[in-house]
């Protein structure tokens, strides 16, 4: 996947399932060629539309975790 991104391109990953978020963070941090743009999880990005899946997570009182990794 990293090879498909141009330098400066990014991967934005959002989930309401904590084990998935933790696994994603672990894997993305360990991926050569990617750098986390934030210390840990990313703050909510205003440009990102909310999905119906996200709303289901919010309705179930789950935390929405967002990650943003950039190709270096």
Protein backbone atom coordinates (compact mmCIF):
# COMPACT_ATOMS: atom_id res chain seq x y z
CA UNK A 1 0.00 0.00 0.00
CA UNK A 2 2.82 2.41 0.88
CA UNK A 3 4.30 1.94 -2.59
CA UNK A 4 1.03 3.18 -4.12
CA UNK A 5 1.13 6.46 -2.17
CA UNK A 6 3.07 9.42 -3.53
CA UNK A 7 5.43 11.11 -1.09
CA UNK A 8 3.31 13.33 1.12
CA UNK A 9 0.23 11.23 0.36
CA UNK A 10 -1.68 10.05 3.38
CA UNK A 11 -3.75 7.24 4.77
CA UNK A 12 -6.62 8.27 7.00
CA UNK A 13 -8.09 5.51 9.14
CA UNK A 14 -11.16 5.81 11.40
CA UNK A 15 -12.77 3.18 13.60
CA UNK A 16 -15.02 2.93 16.62
CA UNK A 17 -13.73 -0.52 17.57
CA UNK A 18 -10.86 -0.11 20.06
CA UNK A 19 -9.08 -3.44 19.38
CA UNK A 20 -9.09 -2.60 15.66
CA UNK A 21 -7.76 0.91 16.38
CA UNK A 22 -4.98 -0.45 18.58
CA UNK A 23 -4.03 -3.05 15.97
CA UNK A 24 -4.13 -0.45 13.18
CA UNK A 25 -1.95 1.95 15.15
CA UNK A 26 0.56 -0.79 15.94
CA UNK A 27 0.76 -1.97 12.33
CA UNK A 28 0.90 1.49 10.76
CA UNK A 29 3.59 2.67 13.20
CA UNK A 30 5.66 -0.38 12.26
CA UNK A 31 5.26 0.15 8.50
CA UNK A 32 8.43 1.46 6.83
CA UNK A 33 7.80 4.57 4.77
CA UNK A 34 4.88 5.82 6.90
CA UNK A 35 4.97 8.50 9.59
CA UNK A 36 2.17 9.35 12.02
CA UNK A 37 1.26 13.02 11.59
CA UNK A 38 0.19 13.17 15.24
CA UNK A 39 1.36 11.89 18.61
CA UNK A 40 -0.99 8.92 18.84
CA UNK A 41 -4.50 9.24 17.48
CA UNK A 42 -5.46 12.17 15.27
CA UNK A 43 -8.01 14.78 16.30
CA UNK A 44 -11.25 14.79 14.37
CA UNK A 45 -10.73 16.42 10.97
CA UNK A 46 -13.48 18.88 10.03
CA UNK A 47 -13.14 18.01 6.32
CA UNK A 48 -13.98 14.36 6.97
CA UNK A 49 -17.68 13.55 6.57
CA UNK A 50 -19.34 11.52 9.29
CA UNK A 51 -20.60 8.14 8.10
CA UNK A 52 -23.63 6.19 9.22
CA UNK A 53 -21.24 3.57 10.63
CA UNK A 54 -19.58 6.25 12.73
CA UNK A 55 -22.97 7.41 13.98
CA UNK A 56 -23.76 3.84 15.04
CA UNK A 57 -20.56 3.82 17.09
CA UNK A 58 -21.42 7.16 18.66
CA UNK A 59 -24.94 5.92 19.45
CA UNK A 60 -23.36 2.88 21.14
CA UNK A 61 -21.13 5.22 23.23
CA UNK A 62 -17.93 4.03 21.59
CA UNK A 63 -14.95 6.34 21.12
CA UNK A 64 -14.12 7.20 17.51
CA UNK A 65 -10.38 6.76 16.90
CA UNK A 66 -8.77 8.48 13.95
CA UNK A 67 -5.28 7.97 12.54
CA UNK A 68 -3.43 9.87 9.87
CA UNK A 69 -0.20 8.51 8.42
CA UNK A 70 1.85 10.16 5.70
CA UNK A 71 4.25 8.61 3.21
CA UNK A 72 7.75 9.91 3.77
